[in-house]
Amino acid sequence: MKNIKLVLLLLIVAAIVIIVLQNQSSWQVRFLWFTGEVPGIVLLFLTAAAGFFVGIVVTLLIKRGAKSRHRTGSEEELKIKS
């Protein structure tokens, strides 16, 4: 299973690298009241990095929530048995 995850991760990274290298021209970016020219390579890298970061945070929060629910359930069982 770990090998499959590693292969998928490498494929995603390779696809991102190819997309980034093909889009090196500057793009006009408007965010709220800011406007500017940003190289496509920087914008795509920042977007991909933000996506990976959000994915990691969500995964950790889900795992943390599952652990706390599991602990709460076992503590209630101990109280009932006592």
PDB file of N, CA and C in Angstrom:
ATOM      1  N   MET A   1       0.825  -1.194   0.000  1.00  0.00           N
ATOM      2  CA  MET A   1       0.000   0.000   0.000  1.00  0.00           C
ATOM      3  C   MET A   1       0.869   1.257   0.000  1.00  0.00           C
ATOM      4  N   LYS A   2       1.984   1.206   0.762  1.00  0.00           N
ATOM      5  CA  LYS A   2       2.870   2.364   0.801  1.00  0.00           C
ATOM      6  C   LYS A   2       3.507   2.615  -0.555  1.00  0.00           C
ATOM      7  N   ASN A   3       3.797   1.523  -1.294  1.00  0.00           N
ATOM      8  CA  ASN A   3       4.389   1.679  -2.624  1.00  0.00           C
ATOM      9  C   ASN A   3       3.427   2.367  -3.575  1.00  0.00           C
ATOM     10  N   ILE A   4       2.130   2.034  -3.475  1.00  0.00           N
ATOM     11  CA  ILE A   4       1.134   2.667  -4.330  1.00  0.00           C
ATOM     12  C   ILE A   4       1.043   4.155  -4.024  1.00  0.00           C
ATOM     13  N   LYS A   5       1.040   4.506  -2.733  1.00  0.00           N
ATOM     14  CA  LYS A   5       0.980   5.921  -2.347  1.00  0.00           C
ATOM     15  C   LYS A   5       2.211   6.668  -2.835  1.00  0.00           C
ATOM     16  N   LEU A   6       3.373   6.034  -2.742  1.00  0.00           N
ATOM     17  CA  LEU A   6       4.601   6.677  -3.196  1.00  0.00           C
ATOM     18  C   LEU A   6       4.583   6.901  -4.703  1.00  0.00           C
ATOM     19  N   VAL A   7       4.121   5.910  -5.445  1.00  0.00           N
ATOM     20  CA  VAL A   7       4.046   6.044  -6.907  1.00  0.00           C
ATOM     21  C   VAL A   7       3.059   7.152  -7.283  1.00  0.00           C
ATOM     22  N   LEU A   8       1.901   7.183  -6.622  1.00  0.00           N
ATOM     23  CA  LEU A   8       0.925   8.238  -6.905  1.00  0.00           C
ATOM     24  C   LEU A   8       1.480   9.617  -6.576  1.00  0.00           C
ATOM     25  N   LEU A   9       2.181   9.735  -5.475  1.00  0.00           N
ATOM     26  CA  LEU A   9       2.780  11.009  -5.103  1.00  0.00           C
ATOM     27  C   LEU A   9       3.805  11.448  -6.140  1.00  0.00           C
ATOM     28  N   LEU A  10       4.637  10.522  -6.586  1.00  0.00           N
ATOM     29  CA  LEU A  10       5.641  10.845  -7.604  1.00  0.00           C
ATOM     30  C   LEU A  10       4.990  11.248  -8.923  1.00  0.00           C
ATOM     31  N   LEU A  11       3.898  10.598  -9.298  1.00  0.00           N
ATOM     32  CA  LEU A  11       3.183  10.963 -10.519  1.00  0.00           C
ATOM     33  C   LEU A  11       2.582  12.366 -10.420  1.00  0.00           C
ATOM     34  N   ILE A  12       2.022  12.685  -9.261  1.00  0.00           N
ATOM     35  CA  ILE A  12       1.446  14.017  -9.064  1.00  0.00           C
ATOM     36  C   ILE A  12       2.534  15.078  -9.114  1.00  0.00           C
ATOM     37  N   VAL A  13       3.646  14.821  -8.457  1.00  0.00           N
ATOM     38  CA  VAL A  13       4.755  15.783  -8.467  1.00  0.00           C
ATOM     39  C   VAL A  13       5.295  15.958  -9.884  1.00  0.00           C
ATOM     40  N   ALA A  14       5.437  14.866 -10.625  1.00  0.00           N
ATOM     41  CA  ALA A  14       5.919  14.951 -12.005  1.00  0.00           C
ATOM     42  C   ALA A  14       4.958  15.760 -12.868  1.00  0.00           C
ATOM     43  N   ALA A  15       3.651  15.546 -12.698  1.00  0.00           N
ATOM     44  CA  ALA A  15       2.658  16.305 -13.464  1.00  0.00           C
ATOM     45  C   ALA A  15       2.727  17.789 -13.126  1.00  0.00           C
ATOM     46  N   ILE A  16       2.896  18.113 -11.854  1.00  0.00           N
ATOM     47  CA  ILE A  16       3.000  19.519 -11.447  1.00  0.00           C
ATOM     48  C   ILE A  16       4.245  20.153 -12.051  1.00  0.00           C
ATOM     49  N   VAL A  17       5.359  19.430 -12.024  1.00  0.00           N
ATOM     50  CA  VAL A  17       6.609  19.962 -12.604  1.00  0.00           C
ATOM     51  C   VAL A  17       6.424  20.231 -14.098  1.00  0.00           C
ATOM     52  N   ILE A  18       5.811  19.308 -14.813  1.00  0.00           N
ATOM     53  CA  ILE A  18       5.593  19.498 -16.249  1.00  0.00           C
ATOM     54  C   ILE A  18       4.692  20.696 -16.509  1.00  0.00           C
ATOM     55  N   ILE A  19       3.611  20.818 -15.761  1.00  0.00           N
ATOM     56  CA  ILE A  19       2.686  21.945 -15.941  1.00  0.00           C
ATOM     57  C   ILE A  19       3.385  23.258 -15.635  1.00  0.00           C
ATOM     58  N   VAL A  20       4.151  23.290 -14.559  1.00  0.00           N
ATOM     59  CA  VAL A  20       4.852  24.525 -14.173  1.00  0.00           C
ATOM     60  C   VAL A  20       5.866  24.917 -15.243  1.00  0.00           C
ATOM     61  N   LEU A  21       6.632  23.962 -15.755  1.00  0.00           N
ATOM     62  CA  LEU A  21       7.650  24.283 -16.751  1.00  0.00           C
ATOM     63  C   LEU A  21       7.040  24.752 -18.075  1.00  0.00           C
ATOM     64  N   GLN A  22       5.821  24.341 -18.371  1.00  0.00           N
ATOM     65  CA  GLN A  22       5.168  24.766 -19.604  1.00  0.00           C
ATOM     66  C   GLN A  22       4.499  26.133 -19.467  1.00  0.00           C
ATOM     67  N   ASN A  23       4.379  26.652 -18.273  1.00  0.00           N
ATOM     68  CA  ASN A  23       3.677  27.919 -18.041  1.00  0.00           C
ATOM     69  C   ASN A  23       4.610  28.914 -17.353  1.00  0.00           C
ATOM     70  N   GLN A  24       5.620  29.363 -18.055  1.00  0.00           N
ATOM     71  CA  GLN A  24       6.592  30.266 -17.463  1.00  0.00           C
ATOM     72  C   GLN A  24       6.319  31.734 -17.760  1.00  0.00           C
ATOM     73  N   SER A  25       5.324  32.039 -18.572  1.00  0.00           N
ATOM     74  CA  SER A  25       5.038  33.443 -18.878  1.00  0.00           C
ATOM     75  C   SER A  25       4.410  34.132 -17.664  1.00  0.00           C
ATOM     76  N   SER A  26       4.403  35.468 -17.680  1.00  0.00           N
ATOM     77  CA  SER A  26       3.825  36.235 -16.574  1.00  0.00           C
ATOM     78  C   SER A  26       2.309  36.307 -16.716  1.00  0.00           C
ATOM     79  N   TRP A  27       1.637  36.272 -15.584  1.00  0.00           N
ATOM     80  CA  TRP A  27       0.184  36.356 -15.558  1.00  0.00           C
ATOM     81  C   TRP A  27      -0.223  37.556 -14.720  1.00  0.00           C
ATOM     82  N   GLN A  28      -1.310  38.198 -15.137  1.00  0.00           N
ATOM     83  CA  GLN A  28      -1.834  39.305 -14.344  1.00  0.00           C
ATOM     84  C   GLN A  28      -2.733  38.710 -13.261  1.00  0.00           C
ATOM     85  N   VAL A  29      -2.487  39.116 -12.040  1.00  0.00           N
ATOM     86  CA  VAL A  29      -3.220  38.586 -10.894  1.00  0.00           C
ATOM     87  C   VAL A  29      -3.910  39.740 -10.185  1.00  0.00           C
ATOM     88  N   ARG A  30      -5.199  39.553  -9.895  1.00  0.00           N
ATOM     89  CA  ARG A  30      -5.938  40.537  -9.100  1.00  0.00           C
ATOM     90  C   ARG A  30      -6.528  39.821  -7.893  1.00  0.00           C
ATOM     91  N   PHE A  31      -6.212  40.337  -6.711  1.00  0.00           N
ATOM     92  CA  PHE A  31      -6.743  39.787  -5.470  1.00  0.00           C
ATOM     93  C   PHE A  31      -7.195  40.952  -4.613  1.00  0.00           C
ATOM     94  N   LEU A  32      -8.498  41.011  -4.366  1.00  0.00           N
ATOM     95  CA  LEU A  32      -9.117  42.137  -3.668  1.00  0.00           C
ATOM     96  C   LEU A  32      -8.717  43.430  -4.369  1.00  0.00           C
ATOM     97  N   TRP A  33      -7.957  44.297  -3.722  1.00  0.00           N
ATOM     98  CA  TRP A  33      -7.570  45.552  -4.365  1.00  0.00           C
ATOM     99  C   TRP A  33      -6.133  45.528  -4.897  1.00  0.00           C
ATOM    100  N   PHE A  34      -5.474  44.383  -4.818  1.00  0.00           N
ATOM    101  CA  PHE A  34      -4.105  44.250  -5.328  1.00  0.00           C
ATOM    102  C   PHE A  34      -4.123  43.763  -6.780  1.00  0.00           C
ATOM    103  N   THR A  35      -3.275  44.352  -7.589  1.00  0.00           N
ATOM    104  CA  THR A  35      -3.111  43.912  -8.976  1.00  0.00           C
ATOM    105  C   THR A  35      -1.623  43.847  -9.263  1.00  0.00           C
ATOM    106  N   GLY A  36      -1.202  42.813  -9.960  1.00  0.00           N
ATOM    107  CA  GLY A  36       0.211  42.703 -10.277  1.00  0.00           C
ATOM    108  C   GLY A  36       0.499  41.627 -11.294  1.00  0.00           C
ATOM    109  N   GLU A  37       1.720  41.625 -11.770  1.00  0.00           N
ATOM    110  CA  GLU A  37       2.199  40.604 -12.700  1.00  0.00           C
ATOM    111  C   GLU A  37       3.029  39.589 -11.915  1.00  0.00           C
ATOM    112  N   VAL A  38       2.704  38.332 -12.076  1.00  0.00           N
ATOM    113  CA  VAL A  38       3.417  37.266 -11.372  1.00  0.00           C
ATOM    114  C   VAL A  38       3.821  36.219 -12.407  1.00  0.00           C
ATOM    115  N   PRO A  39       5.080  35.761 -12.353  1.00  0.00           N
ATOM    116  CA  PRO A  39       5.454  34.672 -13.261  1.00  0.00           C
ATOM    117  C   PRO A  39       4.595  33.432 -13.002  1.00  0.00           C
ATOM    118  N   GLY A  40       4.156  32.781 -14.067  1.00  0.00           N
ATOM    119  CA  GLY A  40       3.294  31.607 -13.928  1.00  0.00           C
ATOM    120  C   GLY A  40       3.917  30.518 -13.087  1.00  0.00           C
ATOM    121  N   ILE A  41       5.221  30.369 -13.183  1.00  0.00           N
ATOM    122  CA  ILE A  41       5.920  29.328 -12.432  1.00  0.00           C
ATOM    123  C   ILE A  41       5.777  29.551 -10.922  1.00  0.00           C
ATOM    124  N   VAL A  42       5.834  30.803 -10.492  1.00  0.00           N
ATOM    125  CA  VAL A  42       5.698  31.127  -9.066  1.00  0.00           C
ATOM    126  C   VAL A  42       4.262  30.910  -8.609  1.00  0.00           C
ATOM    127  N   LEU A  43       3.318  31.376  -9.404  1.00  0.00           N
ATOM    128  CA  LEU A  43       1.914  31.243  -9.039  1.00  0.00           C
ATOM    129  C   LEU A  43       1.490  29.781  -8.955  1.00  0.00           C
ATOM    130  N   LEU A  44       1.912  28.973  -9.918  1.00  0.00           N
ATOM    131  CA  LEU A  44       1.569  27.558  -9.880  1.00  0.00           C
ATOM    132  C   LEU A  44       2.241  26.838  -8.715  1.00  0.00           C
ATOM    133  N   PHE A  45       3.488  27.195  -8.425  1.00  0.00           N
ATOM    134  CA  PHE A  45       4.167  26.577  -7.285  1.00  0.00           C
ATOM    135  C   PHE A  45       3.463  26.928  -5.976  1.00  0.00           C
ATOM    136  N   LEU A  46       3.109  28.193  -5.803  1.00  0.00           N
ATOM    137  CA  LEU A  46       2.433  28.608  -4.573  1.00  0.00           C
ATOM    138  C   LEU A  46       1.068  27.927  -4.430  1.00  0.00           C
ATOM    139  N   THR A  47       0.351  27.805  -5.537  1.00  0.00           N
ATOM    140  CA  THR A  47      -0.950  27.139  -5.500  1.00  0.00           C
ATOM    141  C   THR A  47      -0.806  25.665  -5.131  1.00  0.00           C
ATOM    142  N   ALA A  48       0.167  24.985  -5.738  1.00  0.00           N
ATOM    143  CA  ALA A  48       0.388  23.568  -5.418  1.00  0.00           C
ATOM    144  C   ALA A  48       0.830  23.391  -3.969  1.00  0.00           C
ATOM    145  N   ALA A  49       1.722  24.257  -3.500  1.00  0.00           N
ATOM    146  CA  ALA A  49       2.193  24.164  -2.112  1.00  0.00           C
ATOM    147  C   ALA A  49       1.044  24.402  -1.137  1.00  0.00           C
ATOM    148  N   ALA A  50       0.186  25.371  -1.437  1.00  0.00           N
ATOM    149  CA  ALA A  50      -0.963  25.641  -0.572  1.00  0.00           C
ATOM    150  C   ALA A  50      -1.912  24.438  -0.552  1.00  0.00           C
ATOM    151  N   GLY A  51      -2.119  23.802  -1.697  1.00  0.00           N
ATOM    152  CA  GLY A  51      -2.976  22.619  -1.757  1.00  0.00           C
ATOM    153  C   GLY A  51      -2.424  21.460  -0.943  1.00  0.00           C
ATOM    154  N   PHE A  52      -1.127  21.225  -1.044  1.00  0.00           N
ATOM    155  CA  PHE A  52      -0.508  20.166  -0.240  1.00  0.00           C
ATOM    156  C   PHE A  52      -0.617  20.477   1.251  1.00  0.00           C
ATOM    157  N   PHE A  53      -0.373  21.733   1.620  1.00  0.00           N
ATOM    158  CA  PHE A  53      -0.447  22.133   3.024  1.00  0.00           C
ATOM    159  C   PHE A  53      -1.862  21.936   3.576  1.00  0.00           C
ATOM    160  N   VAL A  54      -2.863  22.374   2.831  1.00  0.00           N
ATOM    161  CA  VAL A  54      -4.246  22.212   3.280  1.00  0.00           C
ATOM    162  C   VAL A  54      -4.593  20.726   3.397  1.00  0.00           C
ATOM    163  N   GLY A  55      -4.138  19.920   2.451  1.00  0.00           N
ATOM    164  CA  GLY A  55      -4.395  18.483   2.519  1.00  0.00           C
ATOM    165  C   GLY A  55      -3.796  17.835   3.748  1.00  0.00           C
ATOM    166  N   ILE A  56      -2.581  18.232   4.088  1.00  0.00           N
ATOM    167  CA  ILE A  56      -1.922  17.681   5.274  1.00  0.00           C
ATOM    168  C   ILE A  56      -2.646  18.111   6.543  1.00  0.00           C
ATOM    169  N   VAL A  57      -3.017  19.377   6.628  1.00  0.00           N
ATOM    170  CA  VAL A  57      -3.709  19.881   7.819  1.00  0.00           C
ATOM    171  C   VAL A  57      -5.054  19.175   7.994  1.00  0.00           C
ATOM    172  N   VAL A  58      -5.821  19.024   6.917  1.00  0.00           N
ATOM    173  CA  VAL A  58      -7.119  18.355   7.010  1.00  0.00           C
ATOM    174  C   VAL A  58      -6.945  16.902   7.439  1.00  0.00           C
ATOM    175  N   THR A  59      -5.957  16.216   6.882  1.00  0.00           N
ATOM    176  CA  THR A  59      -5.706  14.829   7.262  1.00  0.00           C
ATOM    177  C   THR A  59      -5.360  14.715   8.740  1.00  0.00           C
ATOM    178  N   LEU A  60      -4.494  15.599   9.224  1.00  0.00           N
ATOM    179  CA  LEU A  60      -4.127  15.560  10.643  1.00  0.00           C
ATOM    180  C   LEU A  60      -5.316  15.868  11.538  1.00  0.00           C
ATOM    181  N   LEU A  61      -6.156  16.819  11.141  1.00  0.00           N
ATOM    182  CA  LEU A  61      -7.335  17.143  11.944  1.00  0.00           C
ATOM    183  C   LEU A  61      -8.323  15.986  11.980  1.00  0.00           C
ATOM    184  N   ILE A  62      -8.490  15.296  10.862  1.00  0.00           N
ATOM    185  CA  ILE A  62      -9.402  14.150  10.828  1.00  0.00           C
ATOM    186  C   ILE A  62      -8.869  13.034  11.722  1.00  0.00           C
ATOM    187  N   LYS A  63      -7.572  12.746  11.631  1.00  0.00           N
ATOM    188  CA  LYS A  63      -6.984  11.702  12.480  1.00  0.00           C
ATOM    189  C   LYS A  63      -7.088  12.081  13.948  1.00  0.00           C
ATOM    190  N   ARG A  64      -6.855  13.333  14.266  1.00  0.00           N
ATOM    191  CA  ARG A  64      -6.936  13.793  15.658  1.00  0.00           C
ATOM    192  C   ARG A  64      -8.360  13.666  16.179  1.00  0.00           C
ATOM    193  N   GLY A  65      -9.347  14.012  15.355  1.00  0.00           N
ATOM    194  CA  GLY A  65     -10.747  13.892  15.762  1.00  0.00           C
ATOM    195  C   GLY A  65     -11.145  12.455  15.984  1.00  0.00           C
ATOM    196  N   ALA A  66     -10.655  11.550  15.146  1.00  0.00           N
ATOM    197  CA  ALA A  66     -10.977  10.127  15.302  1.00  0.00           C
ATOM    198  C   ALA A  66     -10.362   9.583  16.581  1.00  0.00           C
ATOM    199  N   LYS A  67      -9.150  10.007  16.905  1.00  0.00           N
ATOM    200  CA  LYS A  67      -8.505   9.536  18.134  1.00  0.00           C
ATOM    201  C   LYS A  67      -9.247  10.041  19.361  1.00  0.00           C
ATOM    202  N   SER A  68      -9.672  11.312  19.352  1.00  0.00           N
ATOM    203  CA  SER A  68     -10.354  11.853  20.526  1.00  0.00           C
ATOM    204  C   SER A  68     -11.719  11.197  20.703  1.00  0.00           C
ATOM    205  N   ARG A  69     -12.423  10.884  19.608  1.00  0.00           N
ATOM    206  CA  ARG A  69     -13.705  10.189  19.716  1.00  0.00           C
ATOM    207  C   ARG A  69     -13.506   8.780  20.244  1.00  0.00           C
ATOM    208  N   HIS A  70     -12.414   8.134  19.831  1.00  0.00           N
ATOM    209  CA  HIS A  70     -12.127   6.774  20.304  1.00  0.00           C
ATOM    210  C   HIS A  70     -11.825   6.797  21.796  1.00  0.00           C
ATOM    211  N   ARG A  71     -11.039   7.757  22.247  1.00  0.00           N
ATOM    212  CA  ARG A  71     -10.706   7.863  23.675  1.00  0.00           C
ATOM    213  C   ARG A  71     -11.952   8.154  24.491  1.00  0.00           C
ATOM    214  N   THR A  72     -12.800   9.055  24.022  1.00  0.00           N
ATOM    215  CA  THR A  72     -14.010   9.408  24.751  1.00  0.00           C
ATOM    216  C   THR A  72     -14.904   8.189  24.909  1.00  0.00           C
ATOM    217  N   GLY A  73     -15.017   7.395  23.853  1.00  0.00           N
ATOM    218  CA  GLY A  73     -15.841   6.190  23.921  1.00  0.00           C
ATOM    219  C   GLY A  73     -15.305   5.190  24.918  1.00  0.00           C
ATOM    220  N   SER A  74     -14.002   4.982  24.967  1.00  0.00           N
ATOM    221  CA  SER A  74     -13.430   4.009  25.896  1.00  0.00           C
ATOM    222  C   SER A  74     -13.520   4.507  27.335  1.00  0.00           C
ATOM    223  N   GLU A  75     -13.421   5.814  27.550  1.00  0.00           N
ATOM    224  CA  GLU A  75     -13.561   6.353  28.907  1.00  0.00           C
ATOM    225  C   GLU A  75     -14.988   6.166  29.415  1.00  0.00           C
ATOM    226  N   GLU A  76     -15.969   6.343  28.527  1.00  0.00           N
ATOM    227  CA  GLU A  76     -17.359   6.140  28.936  1.00  0.00           C
ATOM    228  C   GLU A  76     -17.622   4.681  29.267  1.00  0.00           C
ATOM    229  N   GLU A  77     -17.008   3.762  28.518  1.00  0.00           N
ATOM    230  CA  GLU A  77     -17.172   2.338  28.812  1.00  0.00           C
ATOM    231  C   GLU A  77     -16.593   1.992  30.166  1.00  0.00           C
ATOM    232  N   LEU A  78     -15.466   2.603  30.515  1.00  0.00           N
ATOM    233  CA  LEU A  78     -14.859   2.344  31.840  1.00  0.00           C
ATOM    234  C   LEU A  78     -15.769   2.848  32.962  1.00  0.00           C
ATOM    235  N   LYS A  79     -16.389   4.001  32.760  1.00  0.00           N
ATOM    236  CA  LYS A  79     -17.285   4.550  33.781  1.00  0.00           C
ATOM    237  C   LYS A  79     -18.512   3.643  33.969  1.00  0.00           C
ATOM    238  N   ILE A  80     -19.012   3.110  32.875  1.00  0.00           N
ATOM    239  CA  ILE A  80     -20.188   2.253  32.951  1.00  0.00           C
ATOM    240  C   ILE A  80     -19.851   0.938  33.666  1.00  0.00           C
ATOM    241  N   LYS A  81     -18.677   0.366  33.390  1.00  0.00           N
ATOM    242  CA  LYS A  81     -18.268  -0.885  33.997  1.00  0.00           C
ATOM    243  C   LYS A  81     -17.984  -0.747  35.479  1.00  0.00           C
ATOM    244  N   SER A  82     -17.598   0.449  35.945  1.00  0.00           N
ATOM    245  CA  SER A  82     -17.229   0.643  37.362  1.00  0.00           C
ATOM    246  C   SER A  82     -18.413   0.632  38.270  1.00  0.00           C
TER     247      SER A  82
END
